[in-house]
Structures are given as structure tokens and as C-alpha cells.
Amino acid sequence: MKNRREIVENWLPRYTGVPLNKFGDYILLTNFDRYVQLFAQWHRVPVQGKDKPMSSATAGDITIINFGMGSATAATVMDLLSAIKPKAVLFLGKCGGVKHRAEIGDLILPIAAVRGEGTSNDYFPPEVPALPAFALQKAISTTIRDFSRDYWTGTIYTTNRRVWEHDETFKKYLKKIHVLAVDMETATIFMTGFFNQIPTGALLLVSDQPMFPEGVKTAESDKEVDATYVNDHLKIGIAALKQLINKGLTVKHLRF
């Protein structure tokens, strides 16, 4: 395989077990099997690639993919998706609230992300901002209101560190830069989406409050979040993409 195109066209089916022509034009990204299983159950479609690194399910024009966790795999899936050039990619992620007003179960619609993960530096210099496609975020905003829900909007800090909740210096830094929440993928997805000319957006669910010891995520608290909030998170993501599909809206407008 001599060029990038040949590689991604070969590797996307290899990572997912799905032929290129079987993907939808609109992609939901997640870090969790539960989202894929719920999507498949609601649409009565099979889960593909259970024995592959990235499981998925497709119903009509929408494919949901569990790409795993972290900025490196986020970059990988966005690079591989360049093989099919989706019309929009929406990341449904979980995040930790930094400011006290971001409570567990709240929705966050990021307007930007701070590139603290390092992975995106392989795509653009550090001074290039990580931004979503505005038209996609607008569609998500409208859909959230259709569900009679509200949301916070602000900046997300994306880190490549998994265990930092004990690090008081890092937590002071997060407060200093006034981010609303912290995660491991959003900035990477925005930057690699721009690099691959794929419109991207994100809708994040606050799953924990790691700035104080009692708020750090546990197995028990994560199960409670899944049982209480994940259904609406996924339903809103699906409905936002269907809004774009049904209205025939294009979202590829981001320019630096």
C-alpha cells in the first residue's frame, strides 16, 4: 500500500469488520459498548465487529462506532473514517466537571477544546484552535431543546492522562484556565476532523466531578450514570443527526 488512501480504505474494514459501502453517511462516535448495544436494540440491527477493535451498528444513514478510549484511538478512528468521507461525525463522550455548576447528568455542548493531549500536535501546530463545526453544534442545540433539556456551553480541556485526580497542581491549572470540563478525546476529534476535512461536533455528558475526592468516578457511580442518563444522551445524538438528514443541511463550513 503506497499511499494514505489505500491504507485507510484497507484498515477501516480491518478495524471494524464492516465493508466501506456498508457505513452510513453520518457517524456517531462513542467510547462505550452500551451506546452501540442500545442503538442496535432500538433500531433492531446487529452489532458488527464484536471481535474487532471497534464495534459498530448501522441503521439507515447513521453508523455508531465504539472506538475505545483516549486521544490516540480518537485520532485513529478519524483518520480511518477519511476512507468514507462522512457528512458529519458527532462524538457522544463522557467528561468530568471542573466547575461546580457542571453537575453529574448535565449536558455540555463544547464551543472549543484545549489541546492538552499532545496527539493533535502531529496534525497541526499547537497554536491552531480545536473547534467543532458550528452548524453541527447548532443542530445539537436545537435537538436538546426539543427534548426539553438544557445544556452548558464552554471550553473542554482534553488530556492524555488517565489518572490525574490526585494531582493538585494539575487541578489548580484546570481552574486557572477556566475550562468547564475535562475529557480525553474532544480536542483530538476536532483537530483530526479538520485535518481530514470531516465536519465534527461533540455532545458531552458529565459523568463525574473529579476535582474533589468524593466526586471521582467509581464502578458504582458509573453504573448509576449509565442507568440514569445514557439513554437521553444517545437519543439526542441520534435525533440531531436525523435533523441534518431530514433537512438536507450541510455542515462542512469550518475554515481557519
Protein backbone atom coordinates (compact mmCIF):
# COMPACT_ATOMS: atom_id res chain seq x y z
CA MET A 1 0.00 0.00 0.00
CA LYS A 2 1.76 3.09 -1.30
CA ASN A 3 -0.43 6.00 -0.22
CA ARG A 4 -2.65 7.13 2.65
CA ARG A 5 -5.87 6.49 0.76
CA GLU A 6 -5.01 2.84 0.16
CA ILE A 7 -4.12 2.40 3.82
CA VAL A 8 -7.32 3.85 5.34
CA GLU A 9 -9.54 2.05 2.84
CA ASN A 10 -7.93 -1.22 3.87
CA TRP A 11 -7.76 -0.50 7.60
CA LEU A 12 -11.30 0.80 8.28
CA PRO A 13 -12.85 -2.61 7.43
CA ARG A 14 -9.97 -4.32 9.25
CA TYR A 15 -10.63 -2.40 12.47
CA THR A 16 -14.44 -2.65 12.30
CA GLY A 17 -15.28 -5.75 10.25
CA VAL A 18 -17.57 -3.60 8.08
CA PRO A 19 -17.14 -3.10 4.29
CA LEU A 20 -16.69 0.51 3.19
CA ASN A 21 -20.05 0.59 1.37
CA LYS A 22 -21.97 -0.51 4.49
CA PHE A 23 -21.26 2.58 6.60
CA GLY A 24 -23.80 5.37 6.98
CA ASP A 25 -23.03 8.90 5.82
CA TYR A 26 -23.44 10.17 9.39
CA ILE A 27 -21.32 8.81 12.23
CA LEU A 28 -21.82 8.70 16.00
CA LEU A 29 -18.64 8.06 17.97
CA THR A 30 -18.61 6.64 21.48
CA ASN A 31 -16.21 5.09 23.99
CA PHE A 32 -18.68 2.57 25.37
CA ASP A 33 -20.25 -0.68 24.19
CA ARG A 34 -23.52 0.23 25.95
CA TYR A 35 -24.18 3.00 23.41
CA VAL A 36 -23.66 0.63 20.49
CA GLN A 37 -25.84 -2.05 22.08
CA LEU A 38 -28.68 0.40 22.79
CA PHE A 39 -28.51 1.81 19.26
CA ALA A 40 -28.66 -1.70 17.78
CA GLN A 41 -31.52 -2.70 20.08
CA TRP A 42 -33.60 0.39 19.32
CA HIS A 43 -33.16 0.02 15.55
CA ARG A 44 -33.28 -3.80 15.51
CA VAL A 45 -29.94 -4.14 13.73
CA PRO A 46 -26.94 -6.34 14.56
CA VAL A 47 -23.76 -5.21 16.28
CA GLN A 48 -20.85 -5.66 13.88
CA GLY A 49 -17.21 -6.30 14.72
CA LYS A 50 -17.58 -7.75 18.19
CA ASP A 51 -14.25 -9.49 17.62
CA LYS A 52 -12.61 -6.35 16.19
CA PRO A 53 -11.01 -3.32 17.89
CA MET A 54 -14.04 -1.14 17.03
CA SER A 55 -17.60 -2.49 17.27
CA SER A 56 -20.38 -0.72 15.39
CA ALA A 57 -24.01 -0.78 14.30
CA THR A 58 -25.69 0.83 11.30
CA ALA A 59 -29.30 1.86 10.81
CA GLY A 60 -30.14 3.78 7.65
CA ASP A 61 -27.76 6.72 7.19
CA ILE A 62 -26.33 6.53 10.72
CA THR A 63 -23.47 4.33 11.96
CA ILE A 64 -22.37 4.28 15.59
CA ILE A 65 -18.80 3.20 16.39
CA ASN A 66 -17.16 2.41 19.72
CA PHE A 67 -13.55 3.39 19.01
CA GLY A 68 -12.22 2.80 22.51
CA MET A 69 -10.72 5.38 24.87
CA GLY A 70 -8.13 8.10 24.59
CA SER A 71 -6.76 10.61 22.13
CA ALA A 72 -4.65 8.13 20.16
CA THR A 73 -7.63 5.94 19.27
CA ALA A 74 -9.74 9.05 18.62
CA ALA A 75 -7.19 10.17 16.03
CA THR A 76 -7.07 6.66 14.58
CA VAL A 77 -10.81 6.40 14.01
CA MET A 78 -10.98 9.87 12.43
CA ASP A 79 -8.10 9.01 10.09
CA LEU A 80 -9.80 5.74 9.13
CA LEU A 81 -13.15 7.46 8.56
CA SER A 82 -11.47 9.57 5.88
CA ALA A 83 -11.88 6.44 3.73
CA ILE A 84 -15.63 7.07 3.51
CA LYS A 85 -15.72 10.88 3.95
CA PRO A 86 -18.80 11.04 6.23
CA LYS A 87 -21.04 14.09 6.01
CA ALA A 88 -20.84 14.60 9.78
CA VAL A 89 -19.28 12.96 12.83
CA LEU A 90 -20.76 13.51 16.28
CA PHE A 91 -18.86 12.43 19.38
CA LEU A 92 -21.02 11.35 22.33
CA GLY A 93 -18.50 11.37 25.15
CA LYS A 94 -18.39 11.50 28.91
CA CYS A 95 -16.45 14.15 30.79
CA GLY A 96 -15.53 15.23 34.28
CA GLY A 97 -16.94 18.51 35.53
CA VAL A 98 -14.31 21.07 36.53
CA LYS A 99 -16.57 23.96 37.52
CA HIS A 100 -19.05 23.19 40.28
CA ARG A 101 -22.05 24.15 38.16
CA ALA A 102 -21.40 21.21 35.78
CA GLU A 103 -23.27 18.56 37.75
CA ILE A 104 -23.49 14.85 37.06
CA GLY A 105 -26.01 14.19 34.29
CA ASP A 106 -25.64 17.64 32.74
CA LEU A 107 -25.01 18.02 29.02
CA ILE A 108 -22.14 20.11 27.67
CA LEU A 109 -22.00 21.44 24.12
CA PRO A 110 -18.34 22.46 23.63
CA ILE A 111 -17.54 25.60 21.66
CA ALA A 112 -13.82 24.71 21.70
CA ALA A 113 -11.31 22.38 23.33
CA VAL A 114 -7.86 23.00 24.80
CA ARG A 115 -5.29 20.71 23.20
CA GLY A 116 -3.62 19.23 26.26
CA GLU A 117 -3.40 15.70 24.85
CA GLY A 118 -0.41 16.06 22.54
CA THR A 119 -1.77 13.75 19.85
CA SER A 120 -3.18 16.60 17.77
CA ASN A 121 0.29 18.16 17.54
CA ASP A 122 1.05 15.53 14.91
CA TYR A 123 -1.63 17.17 12.73
CA PHE A 124 -1.36 20.93 13.40
CA PRO A 125 0.91 23.30 15.35
CA PRO A 126 -0.19 23.91 18.97
CA GLU A 127 -1.48 27.42 18.25
CA VAL A 128 -4.25 26.17 15.90
CA PRO A 129 -7.54 26.10 17.89
CA ALA A 130 -9.63 22.96 18.26
CA LEU A 131 -13.11 23.93 17.09
CA PRO A 132 -16.25 22.00 16.13
CA ALA A 133 -18.37 22.57 13.03
CA PHE A 134 -20.75 25.34 14.08
CA ALA A 135 -23.70 24.11 12.00
CA LEU A 136 -23.48 20.68 13.63
CA GLN A 137 -23.37 22.15 17.14
CA LYS A 138 -26.35 24.34 16.23
CA ALA A 139 -28.35 21.25 15.22
CA ILE A 140 -27.45 19.57 18.52
CA SER A 141 -28.51 22.68 20.46
CA THR A 142 -31.91 22.70 18.75
CA THR A 143 -32.39 18.99 19.41
CA ILE A 144 -31.55 19.34 23.11
CA ARG A 145 -34.26 21.97 23.44
CA ASP A 146 -36.69 19.70 21.55
CA PHE A 147 -36.09 17.19 24.36
CA SER A 148 -36.95 19.92 26.91
CA ARG A 149 -33.39 19.77 28.22
CA ASP A 150 -30.82 22.47 28.80
CA TYR A 151 -27.04 22.41 28.44
CA TRP A 152 -23.85 24.19 29.37
CA THR A 153 -21.54 25.56 26.72
CA GLY A 154 -17.88 26.38 27.12
CA THR A 155 -14.36 25.05 26.65
CA ILE A 156 -13.23 21.48 27.33
CA TYR A 157 -9.71 20.50 28.36
CA THR A 158 -8.56 17.31 26.63
CA THR A 159 -5.75 15.41 28.33
CA ASN A 160 -3.90 12.21 27.53
CA ARG A 161 -3.56 11.40 31.24
CA ARG A 162 -5.93 8.79 32.59
CA VAL A 163 -5.00 9.02 36.28
CA TRP A 164 -4.61 12.63 37.42
CA GLU A 165 -7.35 13.03 40.02
CA HIS A 166 -4.76 13.01 42.83
CA ASP A 167 -2.64 15.74 41.23
CA GLU A 168 -3.47 19.01 42.99
CA THR A 169 -1.13 21.04 40.76
CA PHE A 170 -2.92 19.85 37.63
CA LYS A 171 -6.31 20.58 39.19
CA LYS A 172 -5.22 24.11 40.06
CA TYR A 173 -4.16 24.54 36.43
CA LEU A 174 -7.60 23.42 35.19
CA LYS A 175 -9.23 26.03 37.42
CA LYS A 176 -6.78 28.71 36.28
CA ILE A 177 -7.65 28.29 32.60
CA HIS A 178 -11.41 28.34 33.32
CA VAL A 179 -12.40 25.19 31.44
CA LEU A 180 -15.84 23.77 32.08
CA ALA A 181 -14.90 20.09 31.98
CA VAL A 182 -12.10 17.65 31.17
CA ASP A 183 -12.01 14.62 28.86
CA MET A 184 -9.60 12.58 26.74
CA GLU A 185 -10.87 12.87 23.15
CA THR A 186 -12.74 16.06 22.18
CA ALA A 187 -9.81 18.24 21.07
CA THR A 188 -8.29 15.35 19.13
CA ILE A 189 -11.55 14.66 17.30
CA PHE A 190 -11.99 18.32 16.38
CA MET A 191 -8.43 18.63 15.06
CA THR A 192 -8.27 15.34 13.17
CA GLY A 193 -11.72 16.07 11.74
CA PHE A 194 -10.43 19.36 10.38
CA PHE A 195 -7.29 17.65 9.07
CA ASN A 196 -9.38 15.03 7.25
CA GLN A 197 -11.98 17.58 6.08
CA ILE A 198 -14.74 15.88 8.08
CA PRO A 199 -17.25 18.10 9.95
CA THR A 200 -17.17 17.15 13.63
CA GLY A 201 -19.10 18.03 16.76
CA ALA A 202 -19.44 16.80 20.31
CA LEU A 203 -22.10 16.42 22.96
CA LEU A 204 -20.63 15.51 26.32
CA LEU A 205 -22.30 14.02 29.38
CA VAL A 206 -20.91 14.99 32.79
CA SER A 207 -20.27 11.61 34.41
CA ASP A 208 -18.19 12.61 37.43
CA GLN A 209 -16.77 15.55 39.39
CA PRO A 210 -13.08 14.66 39.77
CA MET A 211 -11.97 17.95 41.33
CA PHE A 212 -12.75 16.60 44.80
CA PRO A 213 -12.19 13.07 46.16
CA GLU A 214 -15.85 12.22 46.68
CA GLY A 215 -16.59 13.04 43.04
CA VAL A 216 -14.03 10.74 41.41
CA LYS A 217 -15.69 8.13 39.20
CA THR A 218 -16.11 4.62 40.63
CA ALA A 219 -17.56 1.40 39.20
CA GLU A 220 -20.72 2.01 41.20
CA SER A 221 -21.17 5.66 40.21
CA ASP A 222 -20.55 4.86 36.56
CA LYS A 223 -23.29 2.22 36.58
CA GLU A 224 -25.69 4.79 38.05
CA VAL A 225 -24.81 7.33 35.35
CA ASP A 226 -25.37 4.69 32.65
CA ALA A 227 -28.74 3.71 34.08
CA THR A 228 -29.95 7.28 34.57
CA TYR A 229 -28.54 9.45 31.79
CA VAL A 230 -27.13 7.46 28.85
CA ASN A 231 -30.47 6.79 27.12
CA ASP A 232 -31.22 10.50 26.68
CA HIS A 233 -27.63 11.26 25.68
CA LEU A 234 -27.82 8.74 22.85
CA LYS A 235 -31.37 9.68 21.81
CA ILE A 236 -30.38 13.35 21.48
CA GLY A 237 -27.32 12.43 19.40
CA ILE A 238 -29.39 10.30 17.03
CA ALA A 239 -32.09 12.96 16.73
CA ALA A 240 -29.52 15.69 16.00
CA LEU A 241 -28.10 13.71 13.06
CA LYS A 242 -31.60 12.90 11.82
CA GLN A 243 -32.36 16.62 11.84
CA LEU A 244 -29.45 17.16 9.46
CA ILE A 245 -30.50 14.20 7.31
CA ASN A 246 -34.17 15.17 7.06
CA LYS A 247 -33.49 18.84 6.33
CA GLY A 248 -30.66 18.10 3.92
CA LEU A 249 -28.37 20.52 5.75
CA THR A 250 -24.65 20.65 5.07
CA VAL A 251 -22.29 21.29 7.96
CA LYS A 252 -18.91 21.49 6.24
CA HIS A 253 -18.32 25.20 6.79
CA LEU A 254 -15.37 25.37 9.18
CA ARG A 255 -12.44 27.44 7.96
CA PHE A 256 -9.34 28.68 9.77
